[in-house]
Amino acid sequence: MPGKFVLTKSESGKFHFNLLATNGQVIATSQMYATKGSALNGIDSVRTVAEGATLDDQTTES
């Protein structure tokens, strides 16, 4: 089973999504969006950008 996006609406009427790993754990949480359409655009953006994302490791550990 692949990971999935879960879109929810808060009591204040704003929308946000979580990205769940295949084991059901939340691995990313979005900002709050005023509209459902904006949240869906955010999901599309993550799908597009994360595919080729690189790692910028700024930790001091070696």
Protein backbone atom coordinates (compact mmCIF):
# COMPACT_ATOMS: atom_id res chain seq x y z
CA MET A 1 0.00 0.00 0.00
CA PRO A 2 1.48 3.39 -0.95
CA GLY A 3 1.48 6.39 1.36
CA LYS A 4 -1.53 8.65 1.24
CA PHE A 5 -2.68 12.20 1.81
CA VAL A 6 -5.47 12.78 4.32
CA LEU A 7 -7.35 16.07 3.93
CA THR A 8 -9.30 17.39 6.92
CA LYS A 9 -11.30 20.48 7.86
CA SER A 10 -10.79 22.08 11.27
CA GLU A 11 -13.52 23.43 13.52
CA SER A 12 -12.50 26.93 12.40
CA GLY A 13 -13.33 25.99 8.80
CA LYS A 14 -9.76 25.82 7.52
CA PHE A 15 -8.24 22.87 5.70
CA HIS A 16 -4.98 20.99 6.11
CA PHE A 17 -3.51 17.67 5.08
CA ASN A 18 -1.24 15.03 6.50
CA LEU A 19 0.96 12.74 4.44
CA LEU A 20 0.89 9.25 5.88
CA ALA A 21 3.55 6.59 5.41
CA THR A 22 2.60 3.08 4.39
CA ASN A 23 2.44 2.12 8.08
CA GLY A 24 -0.07 4.90 8.81
CA GLN A 25 2.32 7.24 10.60
CA VAL A 26 2.17 10.96 9.81
CA ILE A 27 5.36 12.00 8.02
CA ALA A 28 4.32 15.52 6.98
CA THR A 29 1.67 18.05 7.99
CA SER A 30 0.68 21.05 5.91
CA GLN A 31 -0.07 24.59 6.87
CA MET A 32 -3.70 25.63 7.30
CA TYR A 33 -5.47 26.69 4.10
CA ALA A 34 -8.50 28.97 3.82
CA THR A 35 -10.09 26.90 1.06
CA LYS A 36 -10.26 23.26 0.09
CA GLY A 37 -8.99 24.14 -3.38
CA SER A 38 -5.88 25.72 -1.88
CA ALA A 39 -5.23 22.61 0.20
CA LEU A 40 -5.64 20.40 -2.87
CA ASN A 41 -3.15 22.63 -4.71
CA GLY A 42 -0.76 22.14 -1.77
CA ILE A 43 -1.10 18.37 -2.12
CA ASP A 44 -0.39 18.60 -5.85
CA SER A 45 2.66 20.75 -5.11
CA VAL A 46 4.07 18.21 -2.65
CA ARG A 47 3.49 15.41 -5.15
CA THR A 48 5.38 17.34 -7.83
CA VAL A 49 8.22 18.83 -5.83
CA ALA A 50 8.98 16.03 -3.38
CA GLU A 51 9.65 13.51 -6.14
CA GLY A 52 12.97 15.16 -6.95
CA ALA A 53 13.71 16.69 -3.56
CA THR A 54 17.27 16.63 -2.28
CA LEU A 55 18.59 16.50 1.28
CA ASP A 56 20.29 19.52 2.82
CA ASP A 57 21.69 18.00 6.03
CA GLN A 58 22.59 20.89 8.33
CA THR A 59 23.26 18.82 11.40
CA THR A 60 26.65 18.99 13.04
CA GLU A 61 26.86 15.21 13.46
CA SER A 62 29.14 13.28 11.15
